[in-house]
């Protein structure tokens, strides 16, 4: 059975994707990370919510297999739960994570919604593969 850097099995990853509290916590972490990274890149403060569509696409592009029989919302929640669990387990440092995401967002048109969603998916896919 495959285990990831958190030392947990895929079966456990499927379980945490169904934990709405962990997903809600992870949602806050994801939105914080992205808002800080986008603010750095654009040179002005912003508060941005990351959509489940972008997170679902990030998971699709990553090396981690999504939970079976999952839709975009479930895959987005899975990513949020994964990142939330990673924060709790100190799998990543907030500053390093923001630096990584900022680097991946540089040069992208974050004012165009379609391009921004693509940039988010690319950045978080890299993040997932790097830390998990």
Protein backbone atom coordinates (compact mmCIF):
# COMPACT_ATOMS: atom_id res chain seq x y z
CA UNK A 1 0.00 0.00 0.00
CA UNK A 2 1.43 3.38 -1.00
CA UNK A 3 2.25 5.82 1.77
CA UNK A 4 3.06 9.48 1.39
CA UNK A 5 5.44 11.80 3.20
CA UNK A 6 2.95 12.18 6.03
CA UNK A 7 3.39 8.44 6.56
CA UNK A 8 -0.28 7.70 6.02
CA UNK A 9 -1.89 5.31 3.60
CA UNK A 10 -4.12 6.16 0.66
CA UNK A 11 -7.02 4.62 2.60
CA UNK A 12 -6.42 7.09 5.40
CA UNK A 13 -6.18 9.90 2.85
CA UNK A 14 -9.65 8.92 1.63
CA UNK A 15 -10.90 9.00 5.21
CA UNK A 16 -9.58 12.51 5.86
CA UNK A 17 -11.17 13.74 2.66
CA UNK A 18 -14.51 12.97 4.27
CA UNK A 19 -13.68 14.88 7.49
CA UNK A 20 -15.52 18.15 6.95
CA UNK A 21 -13.78 19.80 9.92
CA UNK A 22 -10.34 19.04 8.52
CA UNK A 23 -11.44 20.14 5.06
CA UNK A 24 -12.83 23.42 6.48
CA UNK A 25 -9.59 24.01 8.38
CA UNK A 26 -7.57 23.19 5.26
CA UNK A 27 -9.74 25.59 3.25
CA UNK A 28 -8.60 28.42 5.54
CA UNK A 29 -4.95 27.36 5.20
CA UNK A 30 -5.19 27.12 1.39
CA UNK A 31 -6.88 30.51 1.09
CA UNK A 32 -4.31 32.10 3.40
CA UNK A 33 -1.36 30.62 1.50
CA UNK A 34 -2.75 31.71 -1.84
CA UNK A 35 -3.76 35.19 -0.68
CA UNK A 36 -0.28 35.89 0.69
CA UNK A 37 1.44 34.47 -2.41
CA UNK A 38 -0.81 36.45 -4.78
CA UNK A 39 -0.29 39.61 -2.71
CA UNK A 40 3.48 39.20 -2.97
CA UNK A 41 3.36 38.66 -6.73
CA UNK A 42 1.02 41.55 -7.42
CA UNK A 43 2.52 43.93 -4.88
CA UNK A 44 -0.85 44.70 -3.28
CA UNK A 45 -2.89 42.95 -0.64
CA UNK A 46 -5.66 40.65 -1.70
CA UNK A 47 -7.93 38.13 -0.07
CA UNK A 48 -8.71 35.38 -2.53
CA UNK A 49 -10.69 32.19 -2.10
CA UNK A 50 -9.36 29.22 -4.01
CA UNK A 51 -12.07 27.27 -5.82
CA UNK A 52 -12.61 23.55 -5.60
CA UNK A 53 -12.33 23.48 -9.40
CA UNK A 54 -8.74 24.79 -9.24
CA UNK A 55 -7.83 22.45 -6.37
CA UNK A 56 -9.42 19.50 -8.16
CA UNK A 57 -7.31 20.28 -11.22
CA UNK A 58 -4.21 20.57 -9.01
CA UNK A 59 -4.87 17.08 -7.67
CA UNK A 60 -5.40 15.74 -11.20
CA UNK A 61 -2.01 17.16 -12.23
CA UNK A 62 -0.25 15.84 -9.13
CA UNK A 63 1.18 12.39 -8.52
CA UNK A 64 -1.38 11.63 -5.79
CA UNK A 65 -4.37 9.60 -6.87
CA UNK A 66 -7.71 11.19 -6.07
CA UNK A 67 -10.24 9.36 -3.89
CA UNK A 68 -12.31 6.86 -5.84
CA UNK A 69 -15.67 7.96 -7.19
CA UNK A 70 -15.06 11.62 -6.43
CA UNK A 71 -16.34 14.74 -8.11
CA UNK A 72 -14.62 18.15 -8.32
CA UNK A 73 -15.95 19.27 -4.95
CA UNK A 74 -14.80 16.09 -3.25
CA UNK A 75 -11.36 16.34 -4.86
CA UNK A 76 -11.10 20.01 -3.82
CA UNK A 77 -12.10 19.10 -0.26
CA UNK A 78 -9.53 16.28 -0.34
CA UNK A 79 -6.76 18.76 -1.24
CA UNK A 80 -7.91 21.12 1.51
CA UNK A 81 -7.92 18.29 4.05
CA UNK A 82 -4.50 17.12 2.85
CA UNK A 83 -2.99 20.60 3.19
CA UNK A 84 -4.73 21.14 6.52
CA UNK A 85 -3.32 17.85 7.82
CA UNK A 86 0.08 18.78 6.44
CA UNK A 87 0.00 22.05 8.34
CA UNK A 88 -1.04 20.31 11.57
CA UNK A 89 1.70 17.70 11.14
CA UNK A 90 4.28 20.43 10.29
CA UNK A 91 4.92 18.89 6.88
CA UNK A 92 5.60 22.36 5.51
CA UNK A 93 6.62 25.76 6.80
CA UNK A 94 4.17 28.58 5.99
CA UNK A 95 6.90 30.93 4.76
CA UNK A 96 8.51 28.28 2.56
CA UNK A 97 5.11 27.33 1.18
CA UNK A 98 4.27 30.96 0.35
CA UNK A 99 7.69 31.39 -1.30
CA UNK A 100 7.09 28.28 -3.42
CA UNK A 101 3.61 29.33 -4.48
CA UNK A 102 4.76 32.90 -5.20
CA UNK A 103 7.52 31.60 -7.44
CA UNK A 104 5.04 29.48 -9.40
CA UNK A 105 2.62 32.41 -9.78
CA UNK A 106 5.17 34.90 -11.10
CA UNK A 107 4.53 35.96 -14.68
CA UNK A 108 0.95 34.65 -14.68
CA UNK A 109 -2.06 36.86 -15.41
CA UNK A 110 -3.81 36.63 -12.05
CA UNK A 111 -6.42 39.19 -13.12
CA UNK A 112 -7.90 36.87 -15.76
CA UNK A 113 -10.12 34.30 -13.99
CA UNK A 114 -9.36 31.44 -16.39
CA UNK A 115 -5.61 32.03 -16.33
CA UNK A 116 -5.69 32.51 -12.57
CA UNK A 117 -7.44 29.15 -12.05
CA UNK A 118 -4.84 27.51 -14.28
CA UNK A 119 -2.02 29.20 -12.34
CA UNK A 120 -3.56 28.07 -9.04
CA UNK A 121 -3.84 24.49 -10.30
CA UNK A 122 -0.23 24.51 -11.48
CA UNK A 123 1.11 26.05 -8.27
CA UNK A 124 -0.80 23.78 -5.91
CA UNK A 125 0.00 20.69 -7.99
CA UNK A 126 3.68 21.50 -7.54
CA UNK A 127 3.07 22.16 -3.84
CA UNK A 128 1.30 18.81 -3.39
CA UNK A 129 4.03 16.88 -5.20
CA UNK A 130 6.78 18.65 -3.26
CA UNK A 131 5.36 18.19 0.23
CA UNK A 132 3.25 15.06 -0.02
